[in-house]
N, C-alpha and C. Protein backbone atom coordinates (compact mmCIF):
# COMPACT_ATOMS: atom_id res chain seq x y z
N GLU A 1 -6.56 -12.57 38.07
CA GLU A 1 -6.06 -11.54 37.60
C GLU A 1 -4.75 -11.67 36.38
N PRO A 2 -4.74 -11.98 34.88
CA PRO A 2 -4.06 -11.97 34.20
C PRO A 2 -2.59 -11.30 34.20
N ALA A 3 -1.52 -11.94 33.74
CA ALA A 3 -0.36 -11.44 33.73
C ALA A 3 -0.39 -10.06 32.59
N PRO A 4 0.30 -8.62 32.76
CA PRO A 4 0.32 -7.77 32.02
C PRO A 4 1.13 -7.86 31.04
N ALA A 5 2.39 -8.90 31.33
CA ALA A 5 3.69 -9.16 30.17
C ALA A 5 3.13 -9.33 28.84
N PRO A 6 2.48 -10.10 28.81
CA PRO A 6 2.22 -10.89 27.49
C PRO A 6 1.12 -10.16 26.73
N ILE A 7 0.13 -9.26 27.58
CA ILE A 7 -0.77 -8.40 26.41
C ILE A 7 0.19 -7.17 26.13
N VAL A 8 1.12 -6.66 27.00
CA VAL A 8 1.92 -5.42 26.54
C VAL A 8 2.63 -6.24 25.46
N ALA A 9 3.37 -7.00 25.33
CA ALA A 9 4.36 -7.56 24.18
C ALA A 9 3.66 -7.66 23.10
N GLU A 10 2.53 -8.09 22.95
CA GLU A 10 1.62 -8.39 22.17
C GLU A 10 1.05 -6.70 21.37
N ARG A 11 0.69 -5.99 22.35
CA ARG A 11 0.34 -4.88 21.34
C ARG A 11 1.55 -3.94 21.20
N ILE A 12 2.80 -4.11 21.81
CA ILE A 12 4.11 -3.67 20.79
C ILE A 12 4.29 -4.12 19.38
N GLU A 13 4.08 -5.51 19.83
CA GLU A 13 4.31 -6.43 18.08
C GLU A 13 3.41 -5.55 17.17
N TYR A 14 2.25 -5.80 17.67
CA TYR A 14 1.15 -4.67 17.20
C TYR A 14 1.37 -3.75 16.29
N GLN A 15 2.19 -2.79 17.64
CA GLN A 15 1.93 -1.50 16.64
C GLN A 15 3.46 -1.50 15.87
N ALA A 16 4.77 -2.74 16.44
CA ALA A 16 5.46 -2.62 15.19
C ALA A 16 5.35 -3.19 13.85
N TRP A 17 4.18 -3.70 13.47
CA TRP A 17 3.88 -4.22 12.68
C TRP A 17 3.43 -3.24 11.92
N ARG A 18 2.32 -2.32 12.40
CA ARG A 18 1.32 -0.91 12.26
C ARG A 18 2.79 -0.12 11.60
N TYR A 19 3.23 0.42 12.24
CA TYR A 19 4.35 1.19 11.81
C TYR A 19 5.05 0.73 10.87
N ALA A 20 5.60 -0.89 10.98
CA ALA A 20 6.23 -1.16 9.74
C ALA A 20 5.30 -1.01 8.02
N LEU A 21 3.88 -0.50 8.18
CA LEU A 21 3.29 -0.64 6.86
C LEU A 21 3.65 0.54 6.90
N ASP A 22 3.41 1.66 7.74
CA ASP A 22 3.70 3.16 7.06
C ASP A 22 5.07 3.50 6.83
N VAL A 23 6.11 2.62 7.25
CA VAL A 23 7.71 2.88 6.47
C VAL A 23 7.44 2.40 5.06
N LEU A 24 6.82 1.17 4.92
CA LEU A 24 6.54 0.31 3.42
C LEU A 24 5.98 0.98 2.68
N VAL A 25 5.00 1.96 3.15
CA VAL A 25 4.11 2.94 1.91
C VAL A 25 5.38 3.63 1.60
N ALA A 26 5.76 4.46 2.63
CA ALA A 26 6.59 5.71 2.43
C ALA A 26 7.80 5.44 1.61
N ASP A 27 8.34 4.07 1.86
CA ASP A 27 9.46 3.36 0.86
C ASP A 27 9.51 3.34 -0.79
N LEU A 28 7.83 2.69 -0.54
CA LEU A 28 7.55 2.26 -2.16
C LEU A 28 6.83 3.50 -2.93
N SER A 29 6.46 4.44 -2.22
CA SER A 29 6.03 5.57 -2.94
C SER A 29 7.02 6.44 -3.95
N ASP A 30 8.08 6.18 -3.62
CA ASP A 30 8.97 6.61 -4.65
C ASP A 30 9.89 5.63 -5.27
N ALA A 31 9.41 4.13 -5.07
CA ALA A 31 10.21 3.37 -5.93
C ALA A 31 9.17 3.11 -6.79
N LEU A 32 8.00 3.11 -6.84
CA LEU A 32 7.08 1.96 -8.01
C LEU A 32 6.79 3.54 -8.61
N GLU A 33 6.16 3.39 -9.95
CA GLU A 33 5.79 4.14 -10.99
C GLU A 33 4.64 3.89 -11.64
N ARG A 34 4.37 2.93 -11.09
CA ARG A 34 2.84 2.29 -12.14
C ARG A 34 1.54 2.55 -10.85
N PHE A 35 2.15 2.25 -9.61
CA PHE A 35 1.27 1.73 -8.38
C PHE A 35 1.52 2.67 -7.55
N GLN A 36 0.44 3.31 -7.09
CA GLN A 36 0.84 4.46 -5.66
C GLN A 36 0.07 3.47 -4.48
N PRO A 37 1.04 2.90 -3.83
CA PRO A 37 0.87 2.47 -2.34
C PRO A 37 -0.11 3.32 -1.46
N ILE A 38 -1.10 3.15 -0.33
CA ILE A 38 -1.87 3.47 -0.16
C ILE A 38 -1.86 3.26 1.62
N ALA A 39 -2.02 4.38 2.57
CA ALA A 39 -1.86 4.14 3.60
C ALA A 39 -2.46 3.17 4.55
N SER A 40 -1.75 2.40 5.17
CA SER A 40 -2.91 1.30 6.14
C SER A 40 -4.29 1.46 6.72
N ARG A 41 -5.54 1.25 6.62
CA ARG A 41 -6.21 1.86 7.40
C ARG A 41 -6.79 0.84 8.54
N ALA A 42 -5.32 -0.19 8.99
CA ALA A 42 -5.25 -1.03 10.30
C ALA A 42 -5.57 0.17 11.54
N PRO A 43 -6.28 0.30 12.39
CA PRO A 43 -5.86 1.02 13.40
C PRO A 43 -4.59 1.14 14.42
N TRP A 44 -4.47 1.94 15.02
CA TRP A 44 -3.23 1.88 15.37
C TRP A 44 -3.42 1.62 17.03
N TRP A 45 -4.36 1.53 17.70
CA TRP A 45 -4.79 1.26 19.05
C TRP A 45 -6.05 0.46 18.90
N PRO A 46 -6.29 -0.96 18.46
CA PRO A 46 -7.84 -1.51 18.10
C PRO A 46 -8.09 -1.82 19.53
N TRP A 47 -7.43 -2.17 20.80
CA TRP A 47 -8.03 -2.77 22.16
C TRP A 47 -8.29 -1.39 22.55
N LEU A 48 -8.24 0.37 21.88
CA LEU A 48 -9.22 1.09 22.95
C LEU A 48 -10.41 1.65 21.85
N PRO A 49 -11.35 2.19 22.66
CA PRO A 49 -12.35 2.80 21.75
C PRO A 49 -12.23 3.98 21.20
N GLY A 50 -12.30 4.13 19.95
CA GLY A 50 -12.07 4.82 19.08
C GLY A 50 -10.47 4.72 18.65
N GLY A 51 -9.72 3.86 19.07
CA GLY A 51 -8.05 3.62 18.35
C GLY A 51 -8.02 3.95 16.95
N ASP A 52 -9.26 3.21 16.40
CA ASP A 52 -8.67 3.27 15.11
C ASP A 52 -9.03 4.87 14.22
N GLU A 53 -9.30 6.06 14.96
CA GLU A 53 -9.65 7.20 14.68
C GLU A 53 -8.23 7.82 14.51
N PHE A 54 -7.10 7.37 15.25
CA PHE A 54 -5.83 7.97 15.33
C PHE A 54 -5.16 7.56 13.68
N GLU A 55 -4.91 8.86 13.57
CA GLU A 55 -4.27 9.57 12.37
C GLU A 55 -3.13 8.62 11.62
N GLY A 56 -2.38 8.48 13.01
CA GLY A 56 -1.25 7.47 12.58
C GLY A 56 0.23 8.49 13.17
N ILE A 57 1.46 8.18 12.46
CA ILE A 57 2.51 8.72 12.47
C ILE A 57 3.39 9.05 11.19
N THR A 58 4.02 10.54 10.69
CA THR A 58 4.09 10.63 9.95
C THR A 58 5.52 9.96 9.87
N VAL A 59 6.08 8.96 8.24
CA VAL A 59 7.10 8.45 8.42
C VAL A 59 8.16 9.42 7.35
């Protein structure tokens, strides 16, 4: 049986990366005049069935 700690750490790191994408989009939305950044389509929980259907967290 695999140790859960490395799996949990990878999932937390992935979600931190995913959340950072939303923060970046929010920050750039006001800073850019010529381009409009779009929200990431990366799923929040790719390891769960339907994990790509979650809308995400509003920043």
